[in-house]
Amino acid sequence: MTLEKYILAVVTTKPEKVPVGAHVFHCSNKEEMDAFAANLEAILDGIAHALTEDIYIIVKH
């Protein structure tokens, strides 16, 4: 079984905007959020997509 077309993680500075059930990384500012998203892309072999200024999703295509 492989993971494809799944949201692997959410990185945000606004955790109240993220639904329950997702793997969420809370960051205190945009710079920290950008660094987390970049690192998770590499670790999870996924791609980060910015949904808003304060939410990234890491997905596997």
Protein backbone atom coordinates (compact mmCIF):
# COMPACT_ATOMS: atom_id res chain seq x y z
CA MET A 1 0.00 0.00 0.00
CA THR A 2 1.33 3.44 -0.89
CA LEU A 3 0.13 6.87 0.14
CA GLU A 4 -0.87 8.88 -2.89
CA LYS A 5 -3.10 11.91 -3.22
CA TYR A 6 -3.34 12.42 0.53
CA ILE A 7 -2.82 15.41 2.79
CA LEU A 8 0.12 14.31 4.92
CA ALA A 9 0.35 17.35 7.20
CA VAL A 10 -0.84 20.90 7.78
CA VAL A 11 1.49 23.70 8.85
CA THR A 12 -0.14 26.84 10.21
CA THR A 13 0.11 29.94 12.35
CA LYS A 14 -3.69 29.86 12.85
CA PRO A 15 -4.58 26.42 14.31
CA GLU A 16 -8.20 27.46 14.83
CA LYS A 17 -8.64 27.42 11.03
CA VAL A 18 -7.57 23.77 10.65
CA PRO A 19 -10.08 20.92 11.06
CA VAL A 20 -9.64 18.29 13.73
CA GLY A 21 -8.09 15.04 12.52
CA ALA A 22 -5.27 16.45 10.44
CA HIS A 23 -1.61 16.18 11.45
CA VAL A 24 -1.08 19.83 12.37
CA PHE A 25 2.15 21.67 13.11
CA HIS A 26 1.52 24.97 14.91
CA CYS A 27 4.06 27.69 14.22
CA SER A 28 4.46 31.06 15.91
CA ASN A 29 5.28 33.10 12.78
CA LYS A 30 5.53 32.94 8.98
CA GLU A 31 9.30 32.29 8.95
CA GLU A 32 8.91 29.27 11.22
CA MET A 33 5.96 28.05 9.14
CA ASP A 34 7.99 28.33 5.90
CA ALA A 35 10.88 26.37 7.45
CA PHE A 36 8.56 23.62 8.77
CA ALA A 37 6.85 23.30 5.38
CA ALA A 38 10.19 23.03 3.54
CA ASN A 39 11.51 20.43 5.96
CA LEU A 40 8.32 18.36 5.89
CA GLU A 41 8.38 18.38 2.07
CA ALA A 42 11.78 16.67 2.17
CA ILE A 43 11.05 14.34 5.09
CA LEU A 44 7.66 13.16 3.82
CA ASP A 45 8.61 13.24 0.11
CA GLY A 46 5.63 15.49 -0.53
CA ILE A 47 4.88 18.93 -1.91
CA ALA A 48 3.91 22.00 0.12
CA HIS A 49 1.02 24.09 -1.15
CA ALA A 50 0.10 27.44 0.39
CA LEU A 51 -3.66 27.60 0.83
CA THR A 52 -3.58 30.99 2.55
CA GLU A 53 -0.92 33.23 4.08
CA ASP A 54 -1.09 31.17 7.26
CA ILE A 55 -1.80 27.61 6.08
CA TYR A 56 0.34 25.16 4.10
CA ILE A 57 -0.68 21.61 3.31
CA ILE A 58 1.87 18.91 2.54
CA VAL A 59 0.47 16.49 -0.02
CA LYS A 60 1.62 13.39 -1.79
CA HIS A 61 0.77 13.40 -5.51
